[in-house]
């Protein structure tokens, strides 16, 4: 797996597909990313498991 991966997610507010650049060298991270389309804050949870499988979960800011 590359240290940086590009993933596409659907914004939990407007439903538009946006692209994120994920740092895969960190096993677990959670951060806020504003949607490029509607500008609302998305809580992004990222996990990289022992098999280098990347899981990205977007959520509304107050749903976490």
C-alpha atoms as a PDB file:
ATOM      1  CA  UNK A   1       0.000   0.000   0.000  1.00  0.00           C
ATOM      2  CA  UNK A   2       1.203   3.488  -0.820  1.00  0.00           C
ATOM      3  CA  UNK A   3       1.781   5.892   2.090  1.00  0.00           C
ATOM      4  CA  UNK A   4      -0.849   8.184   0.555  1.00  0.00           C
ATOM      5  CA  UNK A   5      -4.074   6.921  -1.005  1.00  0.00           C
ATOM      6  CA  UNK A   6      -6.798   8.842  -2.801  1.00  0.00           C
ATOM      7  CA  UNK A   7     -10.333   7.739  -1.929  1.00  0.00           C
ATOM      8  CA  UNK A   8     -13.753   8.923  -2.984  1.00  0.00           C
ATOM      9  CA  UNK A   9     -16.542   9.323  -0.440  1.00  0.00           C
ATOM     10  CA  UNK A  10     -20.096  10.619  -0.583  1.00  0.00           C
ATOM     11  CA  UNK A  11     -20.771  13.703   1.519  1.00  0.00           C
ATOM     12  CA  UNK A  12     -23.225  12.769   4.303  1.00  0.00           C
ATOM     13  CA  UNK A  13     -24.927  16.163   3.885  1.00  0.00           C
ATOM     14  CA  UNK A  14     -25.323  16.823   0.151  1.00  0.00           C
ATOM     15  CA  UNK A  15     -24.547  13.347  -1.262  1.00  0.00           C
ATOM     16  CA  UNK A  16     -21.947  14.611  -3.737  1.00  0.00           C
ATOM     17  CA  UNK A  17     -18.833  12.489  -4.295  1.00  0.00           C
ATOM     18  CA  UNK A  18     -15.637  14.145  -3.081  1.00  0.00           C
ATOM     19  CA  UNK A  19     -12.025  12.993  -3.135  1.00  0.00           C
ATOM     20  CA  UNK A  20      -9.815  12.719  -0.037  1.00  0.00           C
ATOM     21  CA  UNK A  21      -6.072  12.120   0.263  1.00  0.00           C
ATOM     22  CA  UNK A  22      -5.462   9.689   3.145  1.00  0.00           C
ATOM     23  CA  UNK A  23      -2.160   9.192   4.993  1.00  0.00           C
ATOM     24  CA  UNK A  24      -2.020   5.391   5.342  1.00  0.00           C
ATOM     25  CA  UNK A  25       1.020   5.433   7.634  1.00  0.00           C
ATOM     26  CA  UNK A  26      -1.312   6.131  10.587  1.00  0.00           C
ATOM     27  CA  UNK A  27      -3.368   3.117  11.756  1.00  0.00           C
ATOM     28  CA  UNK A  28      -6.284   5.156  13.142  1.00  0.00           C
ATOM     29  CA  UNK A  29      -7.158   8.785  12.660  1.00  0.00           C
ATOM     30  CA  UNK A  30     -10.209  10.983  12.944  1.00  0.00           C
ATOM     31  CA  UNK A  31     -10.409  14.503  11.594  1.00  0.00           C
ATOM     32  CA  UNK A  32     -12.772  17.113  10.160  1.00  0.00           C
ATOM     33  CA  UNK A  33     -12.800  17.755   6.406  1.00  0.00           C
ATOM     34  CA  UNK A  34     -15.097  20.335   4.834  1.00  0.00           C
ATOM     35  CA  UNK A  35     -17.108  19.160   1.825  1.00  0.00           C
ATOM     36  CA  UNK A  36     -15.819  20.770  -1.379  1.00  0.00           C
ATOM     37  CA  UNK A  37     -19.394  21.194  -2.620  1.00  0.00           C
ATOM     38  CA  UNK A  38     -21.574  22.259   0.337  1.00  0.00           C
ATOM     39  CA  UNK A  39     -18.750  23.334   2.734  1.00  0.00           C
ATOM     40  CA  UNK A  40     -20.267  21.467   5.712  1.00  0.00           C
ATOM     41  CA  UNK A  41     -17.896  19.726   8.168  1.00  0.00           C
ATOM     42  CA  UNK A  42     -17.515  15.955   7.703  1.00  0.00           C
ATOM     43  CA  UNK A  43     -16.003  13.825  10.470  1.00  0.00           C
ATOM     44  CA  UNK A  44     -13.698  11.382   8.688  1.00  0.00           C
ATOM     45  CA  UNK A  45     -12.662   8.204  10.550  1.00  0.00           C
ATOM     46  CA  UNK A  46      -9.834   6.227   8.956  1.00  0.00           C
ATOM     47  CA  UNK A  47      -8.563   2.778   9.930  1.00  0.00           C
ATOM     48  CA  UNK A  48      -5.773   0.738   8.337  1.00  0.00           C
ATOM     49  CA  UNK A  49      -5.868  -2.896   9.510  1.00  0.00           C
ATOM     50  CA  UNK A  50      -3.016  -5.409   9.830  1.00  0.00           C
ATOM     51  CA  UNK A  51      -3.564  -6.491   6.192  1.00  0.00           C
ATOM     52  CA  UNK A  52      -3.234  -2.863   4.976  1.00  0.00           C
ATOM     53  CA  UNK A  53      -6.950  -2.682   4.228  1.00  0.00           C
ATOM     54  CA  UNK A  54      -8.089   0.935   4.305  1.00  0.00           C
ATOM     55  CA  UNK A  55     -11.515   1.816   5.731  1.00  0.00           C
ATOM     56  CA  UNK A  56     -12.823   5.388   5.522  1.00  0.00           C
ATOM     57  CA  UNK A  57     -16.087   6.308   7.255  1.00  0.00           C
ATOM     58  CA  UNK A  58     -17.567   9.768   6.697  1.00  0.00           C
ATOM     59  CA  UNK A  59     -20.208  11.099   9.114  1.00  0.00           C
ATOM     60  CA  UNK A  60     -22.035  14.306   9.891  1.00  0.00           C
ATOM     61  CA  UNK A  61     -20.090  16.280  12.482  1.00  0.00           C
ATOM     62  CA  UNK A  62     -22.598  15.717  15.308  1.00  0.00           C
ATOM     63  CA  UNK A  63     -23.386  12.053  14.492  1.00  0.00           C
ATOM     64  CA  UNK A  64     -20.145  10.645  15.937  1.00  0.00           C
END
